[in-house]
Every structure is written in C-alpha cells, then in structure tokens.
Amino acid sequence: MKEAGAASKLTILIVGESLMNDGTAMVLFILYYNMLEGTTYDAGGIIEFFLSMTLGSCCLGITLGLATVWILGFFDR
C-alpha cells in the first residue's frame, strides 16, 4: 500500500477489514465443525453461539490486556 501511495487511513481500513474476515471465518469454521461432530443448532442456537464467541473473545482480550498492563507495571517498579 505504501508503494502505491495509498493514504494511511485506507491502509488501516483494509487491514481492519481483513482482520474481521479472519475472525468471522474462524467462528464459522468452529460452528460447521461442531455440526459435523453432531451438534445441532436452531436459529437461536446459532445466534447464541455467535454472541458467546464474540463477547467471550472481547472479555478474554480485555482480561489479558489488563493482566499484561498489571504485570508490566509490577516489573517496572
């Protein structure tokens, strides 16, 4: 993108879109894998699965981020 002379905002948008696609593909892969293993889902179950994966990953990211900040602060003293 730098060689093409694209604006940095456009580069960030493309990288963010790629990251969203990767995350969505992983959630869909796990959902389909579970279905192949015999788990059955109705419409509400699929929505619940997506919400649990989305909110769970956000909570995990926040928790790990706060733990990292705490550990870095502890070792900085």
C-alpha atoms as a PDB file:
ATOM      1  CA  MET A   1       0.000   0.000   0.000  1.00  0.00           C
ATOM      2  CA  LYS A   2       2.890   2.350   0.722  1.00  0.00           C
ATOM      3  CA  GLU A   3       4.396   1.702  -2.699  1.00  0.00           C
ATOM      4  CA  ALA A   4       1.058   2.538  -4.329  1.00  0.00           C
ATOM      5  CA  GLY A   5       0.897   5.813  -2.407  1.00  0.00           C
ATOM      6  CA  ALA A   6      -2.340   4.968  -0.582  1.00  0.00           C
ATOM      7  CA  ALA A   7      -3.349   7.037   2.406  1.00  0.00           C
ATOM      8  CA  SER A   8      -2.607   5.546   5.823  1.00  0.00           C
ATOM      9  CA  LYS A   9      -6.315   5.671   6.727  1.00  0.00           C
ATOM     10  CA  LEU A  10      -7.130   3.454   3.730  1.00  0.00           C
ATOM     11  CA  THR A  11      -4.406   1.017   4.757  1.00  0.00           C
ATOM     12  CA  ILE A  12      -5.826   0.785   8.279  1.00  0.00           C
ATOM     13  CA  LEU A  13      -9.340   0.196   6.895  1.00  0.00           C
ATOM     14  CA  ILE A  14      -8.135  -2.634   4.659  1.00  0.00           C
ATOM     15  CA  VAL A  15      -6.170  -4.276   7.485  1.00  0.00           C
ATOM     16  CA  GLY A  16      -9.165  -3.977   9.826  1.00  0.00           C
ATOM     17  CA  GLU A  17     -11.488  -5.490   7.231  1.00  0.00           C
ATOM     18  CA  SER A  18      -9.082  -8.373   6.738  1.00  0.00           C
ATOM     19  CA  LEU A  19      -8.953  -8.971  10.490  1.00  0.00           C
ATOM     20  CA  MET A  20     -12.770  -9.056  10.686  1.00  0.00           C
ATOM     21  CA  ASN A  21     -12.898 -11.565   7.815  1.00  0.00           C
ATOM     22  CA  ASP A  22     -10.373 -13.819   9.564  1.00  0.00           C
ATOM     23  CA  GLY A  23     -12.318 -13.756  12.816  1.00  0.00           C
ATOM     24  CA  THR A  24     -15.630 -14.456  11.071  1.00  0.00           C
ATOM     25  CA  ALA A  25     -14.103 -17.323   9.116  1.00  0.00           C
ATOM     26  CA  MET A  26     -12.781 -18.877  12.327  1.00  0.00           C
ATOM     27  CA  VAL A  27     -16.162 -18.653  14.066  1.00  0.00           C
ATOM     28  CA  LEU A  28     -17.903 -20.171  11.037  1.00  0.00           C
ATOM     29  CA  PHE A  29     -15.296 -22.939  10.869  1.00  0.00           C
ATOM     30  CA  ILE A  30     -15.878 -23.858  14.519  1.00  0.00           C
ATOM     31  CA  LEU A  31     -19.660 -23.742  14.004  1.00  0.00           C
ATOM     32  CA  TYR A  32     -19.521 -26.028  10.963  1.00  0.00           C
ATOM     33  CA  TYR A  33     -17.027 -28.335  12.666  1.00  0.00           C
ATOM     34  CA  ASN A  34     -19.375 -28.681  15.624  1.00  0.00           C
ATOM     35  CA  MET A  35     -22.191 -29.502  13.200  1.00  0.00           C
ATOM     36  CA  LEU A  36     -20.058 -32.195  11.561  1.00  0.00           C
ATOM     37  CA  GLU A  37     -19.395 -33.649  15.002  1.00  0.00           C
ATOM     38  CA  GLY A  38     -23.144 -33.973  15.569  1.00  0.00           C
ATOM     39  CA  THR A  39     -24.158 -30.789  17.366  1.00  0.00           C
ATOM     40  CA  THR A  40     -27.481 -29.448  16.124  1.00  0.00           C
ATOM     41  CA  TYR A  41     -28.353 -25.770  16.157  1.00  0.00           C
ATOM     42  CA  ASP A  42     -31.564 -23.904  15.535  1.00  0.00           C
ATOM     43  CA  ALA A  43     -31.647 -20.208  14.563  1.00  0.00           C
ATOM     44  CA  GLY A  44     -31.488 -19.102  18.192  1.00  0.00           C
ATOM     45  CA  GLY A  45     -28.636 -21.508  18.892  1.00  0.00           C
ATOM     46  CA  ILE A  46     -26.588 -20.073  16.049  1.00  0.00           C
ATOM     47  CA  ILE A  47     -27.176 -16.519  17.300  1.00  0.00           C
ATOM     48  CA  GLU A  48     -26.251 -17.603  20.833  1.00  0.00           C
ATOM     49  CA  PHE A  49     -23.082 -19.267  19.504  1.00  0.00           C
ATOM     50  CA  PHE A  50     -22.027 -16.123  17.623  1.00  0.00           C
ATOM     51  CA  LEU A  51     -22.723 -13.905  20.624  1.00  0.00           C
ATOM     52  CA  SER A  52     -20.847 -16.176  23.017  1.00  0.00           C
ATOM     53  CA  MET A  53     -17.846 -16.346  20.679  1.00  0.00           C
ATOM     54  CA  THR A  54     -17.873 -12.585  20.103  1.00  0.00           C
ATOM     55  CA  LEU A  55     -18.416 -11.477  23.697  1.00  0.00           C
ATOM     56  CA  GLY A  56     -16.167 -14.210  25.045  1.00  0.00           C
ATOM     57  CA  SER A  57     -13.278 -13.157  22.839  1.00  0.00           C
ATOM     58  CA  CYS A  58     -13.744  -9.497  23.812  1.00  0.00           C
ATOM     59  CA  CYS A  59     -13.767 -10.382  27.523  1.00  0.00           C
ATOM     60  CA  LEU A  60     -10.701 -12.589  27.089  1.00  0.00           C
ATOM     61  CA  GLY A  61      -8.858  -9.826  25.208  1.00  0.00           C
ATOM     62  CA  ILE A  62      -9.671  -7.213  27.836  1.00  0.00           C
ATOM     63  CA  THR A  63      -8.678  -9.557  30.666  1.00  0.00           C
ATOM     64  CA  LEU A  64      -5.369 -10.496  29.054  1.00  0.00           C
ATOM     65  CA  GLY A  65      -4.661  -6.851  28.219  1.00  0.00           C
ATOM     66  CA  LEU A  66      -5.285  -5.716  31.790  1.00  0.00           C
ATOM     67  CA  ALA A  67      -3.182  -8.587  33.139  1.00  0.00           C
ATOM     68  CA  THR A  68      -0.348  -7.611  30.806  1.00  0.00           C
ATOM     69  CA  VAL A  69      -0.515  -3.967  31.910  1.00  0.00           C
ATOM     70  CA  TRP A  70      -0.511  -5.062  35.554  1.00  0.00           C
ATOM     71  CA  ILE A  71       2.478  -7.388  35.033  1.00  0.00           C
ATOM     72  CA  LEU A  72       4.423  -4.703  33.160  1.00  0.00           C
ATOM     73  CA  GLY A  73       3.646  -2.198  35.911  1.00  0.00           C
ATOM     74  CA  PHE A  74       4.739  -4.697  38.562  1.00  0.00           C
ATOM     75  CA  PHE A  75       8.098  -5.330  36.854  1.00  0.00           C
ATOM     76  CA  ASP A  76       8.624  -1.630  36.149  1.00  0.00           C
ATOM     77  CA  ARG A  77       8.814  -0.861  39.871  1.00  0.00           C
END
